[in-house]
Amino acid sequence: MDSSSSSSTVGLGSVDWQLQHFMDVETQKQRFQQLVHQMTKLCWEKCTDKPGPKLDSPAEACFVNCIGRFIDTSQFNLNRLEQTQKSKPVFSESCSD
């Protein structure tokens, strides 16, 4: 392998990393948008009896509480998942024998 092909390989690795980073960011954006959509749908169905030009005070309070609970629950689930992942035993070579 000559030096020109090795430098192009290094360049491709950089492009692959940039592409992967871009895809990761876009995936995070999509997940956030899905979460917002899910939260909006859930809270809208729970807090609105009839659509109108303005939210009344009880509906506004319901939205605030609903969104707060949704965020708290999501954060709790995320923390729980992280704890579960951390407490799993690391795969050992003795398992592969």
N, C-alpha and C. Protein backbone atom coordinates (compact mmCIF):
# COMPACT_ATOMS: atom_id res chain seq x y z
N MET A 1 0.84 -1.17 0.00
CA MET A 1 0.00 0.00 0.00
C MET A 1 0.89 1.24 0.00
N ASP A 2 0.68 2.15 -0.93
CA ASP A 2 1.53 3.34 -1.00
C ASP A 2 0.97 4.44 -0.11
N SER A 3 1.72 5.53 0.01
CA SER A 3 1.34 6.60 0.93
C SER A 3 0.07 7.32 0.51
N SER A 4 -0.20 7.39 -0.80
CA SER A 4 -1.40 8.09 -1.25
C SER A 4 -2.66 7.32 -0.86
N SER A 5 -2.62 5.99 -0.95
CA SER A 5 -3.80 5.22 -0.56
C SER A 5 -3.97 5.20 0.94
N SER A 6 -2.89 5.23 1.70
CA SER A 6 -3.03 5.25 3.15
C SER A 6 -3.58 6.59 3.62
N SER A 7 -3.21 7.69 2.98
CA SER A 7 -3.75 8.99 3.39
C SER A 7 -5.22 9.09 3.03
N SER A 8 -5.64 8.46 1.92
CA SER A 8 -7.05 8.51 1.57
C SER A 8 -7.87 7.66 2.53
N THR A 9 -7.29 6.59 3.04
CA THR A 9 -7.97 5.76 4.03
C THR A 9 -8.18 6.54 5.32
N VAL A 10 -7.18 7.29 5.72
CA VAL A 10 -7.31 8.12 6.92
C VAL A 10 -8.40 9.16 6.69
N GLY A 11 -8.43 9.74 5.51
CA GLY A 11 -9.47 10.71 5.17
C GLY A 11 -10.86 10.10 5.23
N LEU A 12 -11.01 8.88 4.75
CA LEU A 12 -12.31 8.21 4.80
C LEU A 12 -12.73 7.91 6.23
N GLY A 13 -11.77 7.58 7.08
CA GLY A 13 -12.10 7.35 8.49
C GLY A 13 -12.66 8.60 9.13
N SER A 14 -12.09 9.73 8.76
CA SER A 14 -12.57 11.02 9.28
C SER A 14 -13.98 11.30 8.79
N VAL A 15 -14.22 11.01 7.52
CA VAL A 15 -15.56 11.22 6.95
C VAL A 15 -16.55 10.29 7.62
N ASP A 16 -16.16 9.03 7.83
CA ASP A 16 -17.05 8.08 8.50
C ASP A 16 -17.40 8.56 9.90
N TRP A 17 -16.42 9.08 10.63
CA TRP A 17 -16.68 9.57 11.97
C TRP A 17 -17.62 10.77 11.92
N GLN A 18 -17.40 11.67 10.98
CA GLN A 18 -18.27 12.85 10.85
C GLN A 18 -19.68 12.43 10.49
N LEU A 19 -19.81 11.48 9.60
CA LEU A 19 -21.12 10.98 9.21
C LEU A 19 -21.81 10.32 10.39
N GLN A 20 -21.08 9.52 11.15
CA GLN A 20 -21.65 8.86 12.32
C GLN A 20 -22.10 9.89 13.34
N HIS A 21 -21.28 10.90 13.56
CA HIS A 21 -21.64 11.96 14.51
C HIS A 21 -22.90 12.69 14.04
N PHE A 22 -22.97 12.99 12.75
CA PHE A 22 -24.15 13.65 12.19
C PHE A 22 -25.39 12.77 12.39
N MET A 23 -25.26 11.49 12.12
CA MET A 23 -26.39 10.56 12.27
C MET A 23 -26.83 10.48 13.74
N ASP A 24 -25.87 10.45 14.66
CA ASP A 24 -26.19 10.41 16.09
C ASP A 24 -26.97 11.65 16.51
N VAL A 25 -26.52 12.82 16.05
CA VAL A 25 -27.19 14.08 16.39
C VAL A 25 -28.60 14.08 15.81
N GLU A 26 -28.75 13.67 14.56
CA GLU A 26 -30.07 13.65 13.93
C GLU A 26 -31.00 12.65 14.61
N THR A 27 -30.46 11.52 15.05
CA THR A 27 -31.27 10.53 15.78
C THR A 27 -31.74 11.10 17.11
N GLN A 28 -30.86 11.82 17.80
CA GLN A 28 -31.26 12.46 19.06
C GLN A 28 -32.35 13.51 18.82
N LYS A 29 -32.23 14.26 17.75
CA LYS A 29 -33.26 15.26 17.42
C LYS A 29 -34.59 14.58 17.16
N GLN A 30 -34.55 13.48 16.40
CA GLN A 30 -35.78 12.75 16.09
C GLN A 30 -36.41 12.19 17.35
N ARG A 31 -35.62 11.64 18.26
CA ARG A 31 -36.15 11.11 19.52
C ARG A 31 -36.79 12.22 20.34
N PHE A 32 -36.14 13.37 20.38
CA PHE A 32 -36.69 14.50 21.13
C PHE A 32 -38.02 14.94 20.52
N GLN A 33 -38.09 15.03 19.19
CA GLN A 33 -39.33 15.42 18.53
C GLN A 33 -40.44 14.40 18.79
N GLN A 34 -40.11 13.13 18.79
CA GLN A 34 -41.10 12.09 19.10
C GLN A 34 -41.59 12.23 20.54
N LEU A 35 -40.68 12.51 21.45
CA LEU A 35 -41.04 12.69 22.85
C LEU A 35 -41.97 13.88 23.03
N VAL A 36 -41.66 14.99 22.38
CA VAL A 36 -42.51 16.18 22.46
C VAL A 36 -43.88 15.87 21.87
N HIS A 37 -43.92 15.18 20.75
CA HIS A 37 -45.20 14.83 20.13
C HIS A 37 -46.02 13.93 21.05
N GLN A 38 -45.38 12.94 21.63
CA GLN A 38 -46.07 12.01 22.54
C GLN A 38 -46.59 12.76 23.76
N MET A 39 -45.76 13.63 24.32
CA MET A 39 -46.16 14.39 25.51
C MET A 39 -47.32 15.33 25.18
N THR A 40 -47.24 16.00 24.04
CA THR A 40 -48.30 16.91 23.64
C THR A 40 -49.62 16.18 23.46
N LYS A 41 -49.58 15.05 22.78
CA LYS A 41 -50.79 14.26 22.55
C LYS A 41 -51.40 13.78 23.87
N LEU A 42 -50.57 13.23 24.72
CA LEU A 42 -51.05 12.71 26.00
C LEU A 42 -51.68 13.81 26.84
N CYS A 43 -50.98 14.92 26.99
CA CYS A 43 -51.48 16.00 27.84
C CYS A 43 -52.68 16.70 27.21
N TRP A 44 -52.70 16.82 25.90
CA TRP A 44 -53.85 17.45 25.23
C TRP A 44 -55.11 16.63 25.48
N GLU A 45 -55.00 15.32 25.31
CA GLU A 45 -56.16 14.45 25.52
C GLU A 45 -56.62 14.48 26.97
N LYS A 46 -55.67 14.60 27.90
CA LYS A 46 -56.01 14.59 29.31
C LYS A 46 -56.58 15.92 29.79
N CYS A 47 -56.08 17.02 29.26
CA CYS A 47 -56.37 18.33 29.86
C CYS A 47 -57.40 19.18 29.12
N THR A 48 -57.77 18.83 27.92
CA THR A 48 -58.73 19.67 27.20
C THR A 48 -60.04 18.94 27.01
N ASP A 49 -61.11 19.59 27.45
CA ASP A 49 -62.45 19.05 27.22
C ASP A 49 -62.95 19.46 25.85
N LYS A 50 -62.81 20.75 25.57
CA LYS A 50 -63.25 21.28 24.29
C LYS A 50 -62.26 22.34 23.83
N PRO A 51 -61.92 22.32 22.57
CA PRO A 51 -60.99 23.33 22.07
C PRO A 51 -61.64 24.71 22.08
N GLY A 52 -60.85 25.71 22.34
CA GLY A 52 -61.33 27.07 22.34
C GLY A 52 -60.21 28.02 21.98
N PRO A 53 -60.51 29.30 21.92
CA PRO A 53 -59.48 30.27 21.53
C PRO A 53 -58.40 30.46 22.60
N LYS A 54 -58.72 30.16 23.85
CA LYS A 54 -57.75 30.30 24.94
C LYS A 54 -57.87 29.13 25.89
N LEU A 55 -56.81 28.85 26.61
CA LEU A 55 -56.87 27.83 27.66
C LEU A 55 -57.42 28.47 28.92
N ASP A 56 -58.34 27.77 29.56
CA ASP A 56 -58.80 28.30 30.84
C ASP A 56 -57.78 27.92 31.91
N SER A 57 -57.94 28.50 33.07
CA SER A 57 -56.97 28.33 34.15
C SER A 57 -56.79 26.87 34.58
N PRO A 58 -57.89 26.10 34.76
CA PRO A 58 -57.70 24.68 35.13
C PRO A 58 -56.97 23.88 34.04
N ALA A 59 -57.25 24.16 32.78
CA ALA A 59 -56.58 23.43 31.69
C ALA A 59 -55.10 23.79 31.67
N GLU A 60 -54.77 25.05 31.88
CA GLU A 60 -53.37 25.47 31.90
C GLU A 60 -52.62 24.78 33.04
N ALA A 61 -53.24 24.74 34.22
CA ALA A 61 -52.62 24.07 35.37
C ALA A 61 -52.46 22.58 35.09
N CYS A 62 -53.44 21.99 34.43
CA CYS A 62 -53.37 20.57 34.08
C CYS A 62 -52.19 20.32 33.14
N PHE A 63 -52.01 21.17 32.14
CA PHE A 63 -50.88 21.03 31.21
C PHE A 63 -49.55 21.12 31.95
N VAL A 64 -49.42 22.09 32.82
CA VAL A 64 -48.18 22.25 33.57
C VAL A 64 -47.89 21.00 34.39
N ASN A 65 -48.89 20.50 35.10
CA ASN A 65 -48.71 19.29 35.91
C ASN A 65 -48.43 18.06 35.05
N CYS A 66 -49.17 17.93 33.96
CA CYS A 66 -49.01 16.77 33.08
C CYS A 66 -47.59 16.73 32.50
N ILE A 67 -47.14 17.85 31.99
CA ILE A 67 -45.80 17.90 31.39
C ILE A 67 -44.73 17.65 32.46
N GLY A 68 -44.93 18.23 33.63
CA GLY A 68 -43.98 18.01 34.73
C GLY A 68 -43.89 16.55 35.11
N ARG A 69 -45.03 15.88 35.23
CA ARG A 69 -45.03 14.46 35.57
C ARG A 69 -44.40 13.62 34.45
N PHE A 70 -44.70 14.00 33.21
CA PHE A 70 -44.14 13.28 32.07
C PHE A 70 -42.61 13.37 32.07
N ILE A 71 -42.08 14.57 32.30
CA ILE A 71 -40.63 14.76 32.33
C ILE A 71 -40.02 14.01 33.52
N ASP A 72 -40.65 14.12 34.69
CA ASP A 72 -40.14 13.41 35.87
C ASP A 72 -40.12 11.90 35.65
N THR A 73 -41.17 11.38 35.07
CA THR A 73 -41.25 9.94 34.81
C THR A 73 -40.20 9.51 33.79
N SER A 74 -40.03 10.29 32.75
CA SER A 74 -39.02 9.97 31.75
C SER A 74 -37.63 9.99 32.36
N GLN A 75 -37.35 10.98 33.19
CA GLN A 75 -36.04 11.07 33.85
C GLN A 75 -35.83 9.90 34.81
N PHE A 76 -36.86 9.54 35.56
CA PHE A 76 -36.77 8.40 36.47
C PHE A 76 -36.45 7.12 35.70
N ASN A 77 -37.18 6.91 34.59
CA ASN A 77 -36.95 5.71 33.78
C ASN A 77 -35.54 5.69 33.20
N LEU A 78 -35.06 6.83 32.74
CA LEU A 78 -33.71 6.91 32.20
C LEU A 78 -32.68 6.59 33.28
N ASN A 79 -32.84 7.18 34.45
CA ASN A 79 -31.91 6.91 35.56
C ASN A 79 -31.94 5.44 35.95
N ARG A 80 -33.12 4.87 36.00
CA ARG A 80 -33.26 3.45 36.35
C ARG A 80 -32.57 2.56 35.32
N LEU A 81 -32.75 2.90 34.06
CA LEU A 81 -32.10 2.13 32.99
C LEU A 81 -30.59 2.23 33.10
N GLU A 82 -30.07 3.42 33.39
CA GLU A 82 -28.62 3.59 33.55
C GLU A 82 -28.10 2.77 34.73
N GLN A 83 -28.84 2.76 35.84
CA GLN A 83 -28.43 1.97 37.00
C GLN A 83 -28.42 0.49 36.67
N THR A 84 -29.43 0.04 35.94
CA THR A 84 -29.51 -1.36 35.55
C THR A 84 -28.33 -1.74 34.67
N GLN A 85 -27.99 -0.87 33.72
CA GLN A 85 -26.87 -1.14 32.83
C GLN A 85 -25.55 -1.18 33.59
N LYS A 86 -25.40 -0.31 34.58
CA LYS A 86 -24.16 -0.27 35.36
C LYS A 86 -24.02 -1.50 36.26
N SER A 87 -25.14 -2.05 36.72
CA SER A 87 -25.08 -3.17 37.66
C SER A 87 -24.95 -4.52 36.97
N LYS A 88 -25.08 -4.56 35.64
CA LYS A 88 -24.92 -5.82 34.93
C LYS A 88 -23.47 -6.25 34.99
N PRO A 89 -23.23 -7.55 35.18
CA PRO A 89 -21.85 -8.03 35.20
C PRO A 89 -21.21 -7.89 33.82
N VAL A 90 -19.94 -7.61 33.81
CA VAL A 90 -19.20 -7.49 32.57
C VAL A 90 -18.99 -8.88 32.01
N PHE A 91 -19.13 -9.03 30.71
CA PHE A 91 -18.95 -10.32 30.05
C PHE A 91 -17.52 -10.79 30.28
N SER A 92 -17.37 -12.00 30.77
CA SER A 92 -16.03 -12.52 31.03
C SER A 92 -15.69 -13.59 29.99
N GLU A 93 -14.41 -13.83 29.84
CA GLU A 93 -13.97 -14.83 28.89
C GLU A 93 -14.36 -16.22 29.30
N SER A 94 -14.57 -16.44 30.60
CA SER A 94 -14.95 -17.78 31.05
C SER A 94 -16.31 -18.19 30.53
N CYS A 95 -17.15 -17.22 30.18
CA CYS A 95 -18.47 -17.54 29.63
C CYS A 95 -18.36 -18.06 28.20
N SER A 96 -17.31 -17.73 27.52
CA SER A 96 -17.18 -18.14 26.12
C SER A 96 -16.57 -19.52 25.96
N ASP A 97 -16.12 -20.14 27.03
CA ASP A 97 -15.52 -21.48 26.94
C ASP A 97 -16.54 -22.55 26.72
